[in-house]
C-alpha cells in the first residue's frame, strides 16, 4: 500500500520526521529480525491525516530487470537497470519467455544503467555473439591482458538487436554495447 512519494513520519510511536533526525537513525528503527512487524505512520500528499501501515520485515529482493514484454508480434523489449549477480539469470529467463512469444527482434534498454559486475556483462554479451568473438579484454599496469571471448551458448545469435543508451549508461553497459557494436551485431541508439 505504500506509494512513491510517501514520507515516513513515525516508526512505532517515535517521530522520525524533522530537524535533527538522521536517515541512519530512522533506518535502524525500520530494520529488524525477519518476520517481525514494524508499524509506521506516513504522510501522503493530498491526504489530511497520517496513514498507518504494519509492515512485515523481510529480505528485500533487488532485481536488475525492470521489465520484459512484447512490443508487437515480433519485437521484444528488455530493460536492465544494473548488472548484478542475478542479472544474467533474469535476462536469460526473459529471453526464453519472449522467444516463446515469437520474438525475432529485441530492444535492449540500458539507459540509466550505471553498470555492475564485469562477469555479468560478459555473460549478457555472450548471448548475442557467435563462438570465438572478442567481448572485452582487461589490462593493468602490473597485470597481463585478460581476454573474454563469446562461447557457443548464445540464445540471440540471429535476432536483430537495438541497444538504447544515454549519458547514464556506464561501465558494464558500455561493455555490452561496445561488444555488440565492435562485432557488428547490433545498432546502438543514444549517446
C-alpha atoms as a PDB file:
ATOM      1  CA  UNK A   1       0.000   0.000   0.000  1.00  0.00           C
ATOM      2  CA  UNK A   2       2.973   2.349   0.252  1.00  0.00           C
ATOM      3  CA  UNK A   3       3.433   4.622  -2.741  1.00  0.00           C
ATOM      4  CA  UNK A   4       6.297   6.604  -4.248  1.00  0.00           C
ATOM      5  CA  UNK A   5       6.405   9.980  -2.530  1.00  0.00           C
ATOM      6  CA  UNK A   6       5.062   8.746   0.815  1.00  0.00           C
ATOM      7  CA  UNK A   7       7.055  10.118   3.750  1.00  0.00           C
ATOM      8  CA  UNK A   8       7.565   8.160   6.938  1.00  0.00           C
ATOM      9  CA  UNK A   9       6.688  10.392   9.876  1.00  0.00           C
ATOM     10  CA  UNK A  10       6.546   7.848  12.722  1.00  0.00           C
ATOM     11  CA  UNK A  11       8.129   4.463  13.309  1.00  0.00           C
ATOM     12  CA  UNK A  12       6.227   2.689  16.046  1.00  0.00           C
ATOM     13  CA  UNK A  13       5.341   5.749  18.130  1.00  0.00           C
ATOM     14  CA  UNK A  14       8.605   7.621  17.600  1.00  0.00           C
ATOM     15  CA  UNK A  15       8.560  10.774  15.496  1.00  0.00           C
ATOM     16  CA  UNK A  16      11.283  10.458  12.828  1.00  0.00           C
ATOM     17  CA  UNK A  17      10.465  13.477  10.670  1.00  0.00           C
ATOM     18  CA  UNK A  18      12.015  16.792  11.484  1.00  0.00           C
ATOM     19  CA  UNK A  19      15.204  18.591  12.282  1.00  0.00           C
ATOM     20  CA  UNK A  20      17.989  16.573  13.873  1.00  0.00           C
ATOM     21  CA  UNK A  21      16.746  13.149  12.806  1.00  0.00           C
ATOM     22  CA  UNK A  22      19.297  11.329  10.657  1.00  0.00           C
ATOM     23  CA  UNK A  23      18.311   8.839   7.949  1.00  0.00           C
ATOM     24  CA  UNK A  24      20.573   6.218   9.528  1.00  0.00           C
ATOM     25  CA  UNK A  25      18.662   6.500  12.816  1.00  0.00           C
ATOM     26  CA  UNK A  26      15.336   6.034  11.025  1.00  0.00           C
ATOM     27  CA  UNK A  27      16.685   3.068   9.045  1.00  0.00           C
ATOM     28  CA  UNK A  28      17.871   1.385  12.266  1.00  0.00           C
ATOM     29  CA  UNK A  29      14.333   1.643  13.635  1.00  0.00           C
ATOM     30  CA  UNK A  30      12.863   0.143  10.463  1.00  0.00           C
ATOM     31  CA  UNK A  31      15.273  -2.788  10.295  1.00  0.00           C
ATOM     32  CA  UNK A  32      14.818  -5.843  12.461  1.00  0.00           C
ATOM     33  CA  UNK A  33      14.527  -9.592  12.550  1.00  0.00           C
ATOM     34  CA  UNK A  34      12.901 -11.208   9.536  1.00  0.00           C
ATOM     35  CA  UNK A  35       9.221 -11.952  10.134  1.00  0.00           C
ATOM     36  CA  UNK A  36       8.703  -9.295  12.820  1.00  0.00           C
ATOM     37  CA  UNK A  37       6.319  -6.380  12.297  1.00  0.00           C
ATOM     38  CA  UNK A  38       7.098  -2.668  12.335  1.00  0.00           C
ATOM     39  CA  UNK A  39       4.326  -0.048  12.469  1.00  0.00           C
ATOM     40  CA  UNK A  40       4.794   3.165  10.507  1.00  0.00           C
ATOM     41  CA  UNK A  41       2.721   6.289  10.001  1.00  0.00           C
ATOM     42  CA  UNK A  42       3.198   8.053   6.703  1.00  0.00           C
ATOM     43  CA  UNK A  43       2.285  11.408   5.232  1.00  0.00           C
ATOM     44  CA  UNK A  44       0.814  11.281   1.732  1.00  0.00           C
ATOM     45  CA  UNK A  45       0.319  14.476  -0.218  1.00  0.00           C
ATOM     46  CA  UNK A  46      -3.405  15.240  -0.578  1.00  0.00           C
ATOM     47  CA  UNK A  47      -4.433  13.090   2.415  1.00  0.00           C
ATOM     48  CA  UNK A  48      -5.216  15.189   5.530  1.00  0.00           C
ATOM     49  CA  UNK A  49      -4.290  12.572   8.189  1.00  0.00           C
ATOM     50  CA  UNK A  50      -1.342  10.238   8.638  1.00  0.00           C
ATOM     51  CA  UNK A  51      -1.880   6.742   7.198  1.00  0.00           C
ATOM     52  CA  UNK A  52      -0.826   3.774   9.342  1.00  0.00           C
ATOM     53  CA  UNK A  53       0.813   0.627   7.976  1.00  0.00           C
ATOM     54  CA  UNK A  54       2.012  -2.595   9.614  1.00  0.00           C
ATOM     55  CA  UNK A  55       4.949  -3.943   7.627  1.00  0.00           C
ATOM     56  CA  UNK A  56       6.412  -7.432   7.997  1.00  0.00           C
ATOM     57  CA  UNK A  57      10.192  -7.295   7.890  1.00  0.00           C
ATOM     58  CA  UNK A  58      11.880  -9.493   5.314  1.00  0.00           C
ATOM     59  CA  UNK A  59      14.791  -9.607   2.907  1.00  0.00           C
ATOM     60  CA  UNK A  60      14.189  -7.093   0.125  1.00  0.00           C
ATOM     61  CA  UNK A  61      14.957  -8.664  -3.238  1.00  0.00           C
ATOM     62  CA  UNK A  62      16.650  -6.350  -5.701  1.00  0.00           C
ATOM     63  CA  UNK A  63      16.101  -7.163  -9.326  1.00  0.00           C
ATOM     64  CA  UNK A  64      18.054  -5.778 -12.224  1.00  0.00           C
ATOM     65  CA  UNK A  65      15.461  -6.459 -14.920  1.00  0.00           C
ATOM     66  CA  UNK A  66      12.781  -3.783 -14.751  1.00  0.00           C
ATOM     67  CA  UNK A  67      10.537  -5.110 -17.496  1.00  0.00           C
ATOM     68  CA  UNK A  68      10.397  -7.588 -20.377  1.00  0.00           C
ATOM     69  CA  UNK A  69       7.487  -7.657 -22.807  1.00  0.00           C
ATOM     70  CA  UNK A  70       6.494  -7.985 -26.445  1.00  0.00           C
ATOM     71  CA  UNK A  71       6.114  -4.580 -28.145  1.00  0.00           C
ATOM     72  CA  UNK A  72       4.286  -6.270 -31.015  1.00  0.00           C
ATOM     73  CA  UNK A  73       4.165  -9.755 -32.504  1.00  0.00           C
ATOM     74  CA  UNK A  74       7.906  -9.844 -33.305  1.00  0.00           C
ATOM     75  CA  UNK A  75       9.717  -7.187 -31.217  1.00  0.00           C
ATOM     76  CA  UNK A  76      10.689  -7.859 -27.606  1.00  0.00           C
ATOM     77  CA  UNK A  77      11.797  -5.208 -25.104  1.00  0.00           C
ATOM     78  CA  UNK A  78      14.052  -5.762 -22.073  1.00  0.00           C
ATOM     79  CA  UNK A  79      15.100  -3.007 -19.645  1.00  0.00           C
ATOM     80  CA  UNK A  80      18.100  -3.677 -17.385  1.00  0.00           C
ATOM     81  CA  UNK A  81      18.790  -1.179 -14.585  1.00  0.00           C
ATOM     82  CA  UNK A  82      22.136  -2.682 -13.458  1.00  0.00           C
ATOM     83  CA  UNK A  83      24.418  -5.696 -13.868  1.00  0.00           C
ATOM     84  CA  UNK A  84      24.187  -7.634 -10.593  1.00  0.00           C
ATOM     85  CA  UNK A  85      24.711 -11.237  -9.533  1.00  0.00           C
ATOM     86  CA  UNK A  86      21.169 -12.156 -10.654  1.00  0.00           C
ATOM     87  CA  UNK A  87      21.078 -10.207 -13.936  1.00  0.00           C
ATOM     88  CA  UNK A  88      22.152 -12.994 -16.267  1.00  0.00           C
ATOM     89  CA  UNK A  89      19.562 -15.426 -14.898  1.00  0.00           C
ATOM     90  CA  UNK A  90      16.831 -12.765 -15.094  1.00  0.00           C
ATOM     91  CA  UNK A  91      17.887 -11.816 -18.627  1.00  0.00           C
ATOM     92  CA  UNK A  92      18.125 -15.422 -19.827  1.00  0.00           C
ATOM     93  CA  UNK A  93      14.672 -16.291 -18.455  1.00  0.00           C
ATOM     94  CA  UNK A  94      13.163 -13.180 -20.066  1.00  0.00           C
ATOM     95  CA  UNK A  95      14.737 -14.039 -23.429  1.00  0.00           C
ATOM     96  CA  UNK A  96      13.342 -17.602 -23.294  1.00  0.00           C
ATOM     97  CA  UNK A  97       9.885 -16.274 -22.475  1.00  0.00           C
ATOM     98  CA  UNK A  98       9.956 -13.636 -25.220  1.00  0.00           C
ATOM     99  CA  UNK A  99      11.236 -16.128 -27.794  1.00  0.00           C
ATOM    100  CA  UNK A 100       8.345 -18.436 -26.868  1.00  0.00           C
ATOM    101  CA  UNK A 101       6.058 -15.473 -27.595  1.00  0.00           C
ATOM    102  CA  UNK A 102       7.541 -15.099 -31.093  1.00  0.00           C
ATOM    103  CA  UNK A 103      10.320 -12.556 -30.589  1.00  0.00           C
ATOM    104  CA  UNK A 104      12.627 -12.193 -33.601  1.00  0.00           C
ATOM    105  CA  UNK A 105      13.909  -8.687 -32.789  1.00  0.00           C
ATOM    106  CA  UNK A 106      14.982  -7.192 -29.456  1.00  0.00           C
ATOM    107  CA  UNK A 107      15.240  -3.728 -27.961  1.00  0.00           C
ATOM    108  CA  UNK A 108      17.749  -3.874 -25.083  1.00  0.00           C
ATOM    109  CA  UNK A 109      17.316  -0.754 -22.953  1.00  0.00           C
ATOM    110  CA  UNK A 110      20.426   0.161 -20.955  1.00  0.00           C
ATOM    111  CA  UNK A 111      19.529   3.827 -20.417  1.00  0.00           C
ATOM    112  CA  UNK A 112      20.461   4.940 -16.913  1.00  0.00           C
ATOM    113  CA  UNK A 113      22.215   1.622 -16.227  1.00  0.00           C
ATOM    114  CA  UNK A 114      25.392   2.511 -14.280  1.00  0.00           C
ATOM    115  CA  UNK A 115      26.944  -0.935 -14.763  1.00  0.00           C
ATOM    116  CA  UNK A 116      27.939  -3.509 -12.188  1.00  0.00           C
ATOM    117  CA  UNK A 117      29.635  -6.887 -12.409  1.00  0.00           C
ATOM    118  CA  UNK A 118      32.038  -7.391 -15.327  1.00  0.00           C
ATOM    119  CA  UNK A 119      31.324 -11.137 -15.496  1.00  0.00           C
ATOM    120  CA  UNK A 120      27.600 -10.456 -15.794  1.00  0.00           C
ATOM    121  CA  UNK A 121      28.188  -8.054 -18.685  1.00  0.00           C
ATOM    122  CA  UNK A 122      30.282 -10.730 -20.401  1.00  0.00           C
ATOM    123  CA  UNK A 123      27.513 -13.318 -19.924  1.00  0.00           C
ATOM    124  CA  UNK A 124      24.864 -10.975 -21.356  1.00  0.00           C
ATOM    125  CA  UNK A 125      27.041 -10.023 -24.348  1.00  0.00           C
ATOM    126  CA  UNK A 126      27.748 -13.721 -24.935  1.00  0.00           C
ATOM    127  CA  UNK A 127      24.034 -14.255 -25.601  1.00  0.00           C
ATOM    128  CA  UNK A 128      24.350 -12.220 -28.826  1.00  0.00           C
ATOM    129  CA  UNK A 129      27.759 -13.221 -30.185  1.00  0.00           C
ATOM    130  CA  UNK A 130      28.935 -16.335 -32.019  1.00  0.00           C
ATOM    131  CA  UNK A 131      31.639 -18.583 -30.633  1.00  0.00           C
ATOM    132  CA  UNK A 132      35.112 -17.045 -30.505  1.00  0.00           C
ATOM    133  CA  UNK A 133      34.182 -13.365 -30.901  1.00  0.00           C
ATOM    134  CA  UNK A 134      36.010 -10.977 -28.568  1.00  0.00           C
ATOM    135  CA  UNK A 135      33.714  -9.441 -25.952  1.00  0.00           C
ATOM    136  CA  UNK A 136      36.233  -7.454 -23.903  1.00  0.00           C
ATOM    137  CA  UNK A 137      39.740  -7.550 -22.551  1.00  0.00           C
ATOM    138  CA  UNK A 138      41.213  -6.090 -19.395  1.00  0.00           C
ATOM    139  CA  UNK A 139      44.764  -4.924 -18.890  1.00  0.00           C
ATOM    140  CA  UNK A 140      46.515  -3.425 -15.893  1.00  0.00           C
ATOM    141  CA  UNK A 141      49.861  -1.821 -15.203  1.00  0.00           C
ATOM    142  CA  UNK A 142      51.131  -4.943 -13.449  1.00  0.00           C
ATOM    143  CA  UNK A 143      48.665  -7.436 -14.929  1.00  0.00           C
ATOM    144  CA  UNK A 144      48.743  -9.063 -18.336  1.00  0.00           C
ATOM    145  CA  UNK A 145      45.872  -8.743 -20.785  1.00  0.00           C
ATOM    146  CA  UNK A 146      42.902 -10.960 -19.927  1.00  0.00           C
ATOM    147  CA  UNK A 147      40.548 -11.719 -22.813  1.00  0.00           C
ATOM    148  CA  UNK A 148      36.864 -12.720 -22.675  1.00  0.00           C
ATOM    149  CA  UNK A 149      35.522 -14.441 -25.786  1.00  0.00           C
ATOM    150  CA  UNK A 150      31.992 -15.498 -26.689  1.00  0.00           C
ATOM    151  CA  UNK A 151      31.042 -19.153 -26.399  1.00  0.00           C
ATOM    152  CA  UNK A 152      28.538 -21.130 -28.445  1.00  0.00           C
ATOM    153  CA  UNK A 153      25.749 -20.900 -25.843  1.00  0.00           C
ATOM    154  CA  UNK A 154      24.055 -17.689 -27.038  1.00  0.00           C
ATOM    155  CA  UNK A 155      20.256 -17.603 -27.354  1.00  0.00           C
ATOM    156  CA  UNK A 156      20.209 -14.455 -29.518  1.00  0.00           C
ATOM    157  CA  UNK A 157      22.648 -15.235 -32.309  1.00  0.00           C
ATOM    158  CA  UNK A 158      20.313 -14.404 -35.197  1.00  0.00           C
ATOM    159  CA  UNK A 159      17.804 -11.928 -33.743  1.00  0.00           C
ATOM    160  CA  UNK A 160      18.131  -8.270 -34.729  1.00  0.00           C
ATOM    161  CA  UNK A 161      19.029  -6.120 -31.725  1.00  0.00           C
ATOM    162  CA  UNK A 162      18.940  -2.426 -30.905  1.00  0.00           C
ATOM    163  CA  UNK A 163      20.630  -1.140 -27.729  1.00  0.00           C
ATOM    164  CA  UNK A 164      19.381   2.088 -26.149  1.00  0.00           C
ATOM    165  CA  UNK A 165      21.982   4.138 -24.234  1.00  0.00           C
ATOM    166  CA  UNK A 166      22.177   7.555 -22.605  1.00  0.00           C
ATOM    167  CA  UNK A 167      24.658   9.563 -20.550  1.00  0.00           C
ATOM    168  CA  UNK A 168      23.736   7.418 -17.512  1.00  0.00           C
ATOM    169  CA  UNK A 169      24.798   4.167 -19.222  1.00  0.00           C
ATOM    170  CA  UNK A 170      28.257   3.305 -17.944  1.00  0.00           C
ATOM    171  CA  UNK A 171      30.760   0.564 -17.184  1.00  0.00           C
ATOM    172  CA  UNK A 172      29.167  -2.852 -17.837  1.00  0.00           C
ATOM    173  CA  UNK A 173      26.509  -1.212 -20.040  1.00  0.00           C
ATOM    174  CA  UNK A 174      29.259   0.194 -22.233  1.00  0.00           C
ATOM    175  CA  UNK A 175      30.963  -3.192 -22.389  1.00  0.00           C
ATOM    176  CA  UNK A 176      27.795  -4.909 -23.658  1.00  0.00           C
ATOM    177  CA  UNK A 177      27.020  -2.133 -26.147  1.00  0.00           C
ATOM    178  CA  UNK A 178      30.655  -1.945 -27.273  1.00  0.00           C
ATOM    179  CA  UNK A 179      30.919  -5.705 -27.794  1.00  0.00           C
ATOM    180  CA  UNK A 180      27.780  -5.708 -29.944  1.00  0.00           C
ATOM    181  CA  UNK A 181      28.917  -2.646 -31.876  1.00  0.00           C
ATOM    182  CA  UNK A 182      32.503  -3.874 -32.409  1.00  0.00           C
ATOM    183  CA  UNK A 183      31.204  -7.204 -33.722  1.00  0.00           C
ATOM    184  CA  UNK A 184      28.570  -5.551 -35.979  1.00  0.00           C
ATOM    185  CA  UNK A 185      25.929  -7.422 -34.025  1.00  0.00           C
ATOM    186  CA  UNK A 186      23.542  -4.607 -33.156  1.00  0.00           C
ATOM    187  CA  UNK A 187      22.554  -0.993 -33.599  1.00  0.00           C
ATOM    188  CA  UNK A 188      23.341   1.449 -30.802  1.00  0.00           C
ATOM    189  CA  UNK A 189      20.922   4.352 -30.298  1.00  0.00           C
ATOM    190  CA  UNK A 190      21.640   7.189 -27.881  1.00  0.00           C
ATOM    191  CA  UNK A 191      24.707   8.964 -26.629  1.00  0.00           C
END
